[in-house]
Amino acid sequence: MNRKELIESILKDKNLNHLTKKDADQFVATMLEVIKKTVKKGDDVSLIGFGSFSKTRRAARMGVNPATGEKIKIKAKTVPKFRPGKAWKEMM
């Protein structure tokens, strides 16, 4: 499902059918932007029943270039992390 399909699915919900496509798109965009900004600041975002968004630090490490077999150093970096919630895991 892509973003367009997600918005169309939201609009099909009986409780949200009063929204316009533009309203639904703006809601999705705002929600994603708030999650990204919050995690970037260093705070976690927890959506009960869905999951948690956070950031984590990956340490520097040695890797191997698969084309040449040459060892390369991979720099440390900060990356986003998502952990599905218990209810979602159980549903799967």
Protein backbone atom coordinates (compact mmCIF):
# COMPACT_ATOMS: atom_id res chain seq x y z
CA MET A 1 0.00 0.00 0.00
CA ASN A 2 1.41 3.38 -0.94
CA ARG A 3 0.51 6.80 0.46
CA LYS A 4 -2.26 7.44 -2.09
CA GLU A 5 -3.87 4.06 -1.33
CA LEU A 6 -3.57 4.75 2.42
CA ILE A 7 -5.42 8.05 2.04
CA GLU A 8 -8.15 6.41 -0.05
CA SER A 9 -8.50 3.71 2.60
CA ILE A 10 -8.86 6.36 5.33
CA LEU A 11 -11.58 8.09 3.31
CA LYS A 12 -13.56 4.82 3.03
CA ASP A 13 -13.88 4.59 6.82
CA LYS A 14 -17.49 5.30 7.80
CA ASN A 15 -16.43 7.59 10.65
CA LEU A 16 -14.07 9.64 8.48
CA ASN A 17 -16.00 9.88 5.22
CA HIS A 18 -16.69 13.58 5.90
CA LEU A 19 -13.03 14.38 5.24
CA THR A 20 -11.84 15.54 1.86
CA LYS A 21 -8.93 13.86 0.12
CA LYS A 22 -6.89 17.03 0.77
CA ASP A 23 -7.72 16.91 4.52
CA ALA A 24 -6.73 13.25 4.78
CA ASP A 25 -3.49 13.87 2.88
CA GLN A 26 -2.65 16.83 5.13
CA PHE A 27 -3.36 14.74 8.23
CA VAL A 28 -1.05 11.92 7.08
CA ALA A 29 1.69 14.40 6.09
CA THR A 30 1.46 16.25 9.41
CA MET A 31 1.47 13.04 11.45
CA LEU A 32 4.57 11.73 9.68
CA GLU A 33 6.35 15.09 9.99
CA VAL A 34 5.62 15.28 13.74
CA ILE A 35 6.94 11.73 14.24
CA LYS A 36 10.14 12.51 12.28
CA LYS A 37 10.80 15.78 14.13
CA THR A 38 10.12 14.23 17.54
CA VAL A 39 12.44 11.27 16.93
CA LYS A 40 15.12 13.54 15.47
CA LYS A 41 15.04 15.56 18.72
CA GLY A 42 15.75 12.35 20.63
CA ASP A 43 12.29 11.65 22.01
CA ASP A 44 10.40 8.42 21.36
CA VAL A 45 6.92 8.27 19.83
CA SER A 46 4.77 5.42 21.17
CA LEU A 47 1.44 4.56 19.57
CA ILE A 48 -0.23 2.03 21.86
CA GLY A 49 -1.32 -1.03 19.88
CA PHE A 50 0.83 -0.04 16.89
CA GLY A 51 4.44 0.48 17.88
CA SER A 52 7.25 2.83 18.89
CA PHE A 53 9.52 5.06 16.85
CA SER A 54 12.94 5.98 18.24
CA LYS A 55 16.48 6.66 17.15
CA THR A 56 19.51 4.57 17.90
CA ARG A 57 23.25 4.91 17.39
CA ARG A 58 25.14 2.37 15.29
CA ALA A 59 28.78 1.96 16.25
CA ALA A 60 31.57 2.17 13.70
CA ARG A 61 32.53 -1.21 12.34
CA MET A 62 34.52 -3.01 9.68
CA GLY A 63 32.72 -4.30 6.61
CA VAL A 64 33.63 -6.01 3.36
CA ASN A 65 33.07 -4.66 -0.14
CA PRO A 66 31.22 -7.57 -1.79
CA ALA A 67 32.54 -6.73 -5.26
CA THR A 68 36.25 -6.67 -4.36
CA GLY A 69 36.45 -8.43 -0.97
CA GLU A 70 38.32 -5.37 0.33
CA LYS A 71 37.81 -4.48 3.99
CA ILE A 72 36.26 -1.06 4.54
CA LYS A 73 35.53 1.02 7.62
CA ILE A 74 31.86 1.90 8.11
CA LYS A 75 31.35 5.10 10.10
CA ALA A 76 29.16 5.35 13.19
CA LYS A 77 25.76 6.88 12.55
CA THR A 78 22.36 7.55 14.05
CA VAL A 79 19.40 5.73 12.46
CA PRO A 80 15.63 5.60 12.99
CA LYS A 81 14.17 2.50 14.62
CA PHE A 82 10.64 1.08 14.71
CA ARG A 83 9.43 -1.59 17.13
CA PRO A 84 5.96 -3.03 16.52
CA GLY A 85 3.66 -3.09 19.55
CA LYS A 86 2.60 -6.24 21.37
CA ALA A 87 -0.98 -6.12 20.01
CA TRP A 88 0.27 -5.83 16.43
CA LYS A 89 2.76 -8.69 16.89
CA GLU A 90 0.03 -10.91 18.34
CA MET A 91 -2.29 -10.03 15.44
CA MET A 92 0.30 -11.21 12.93
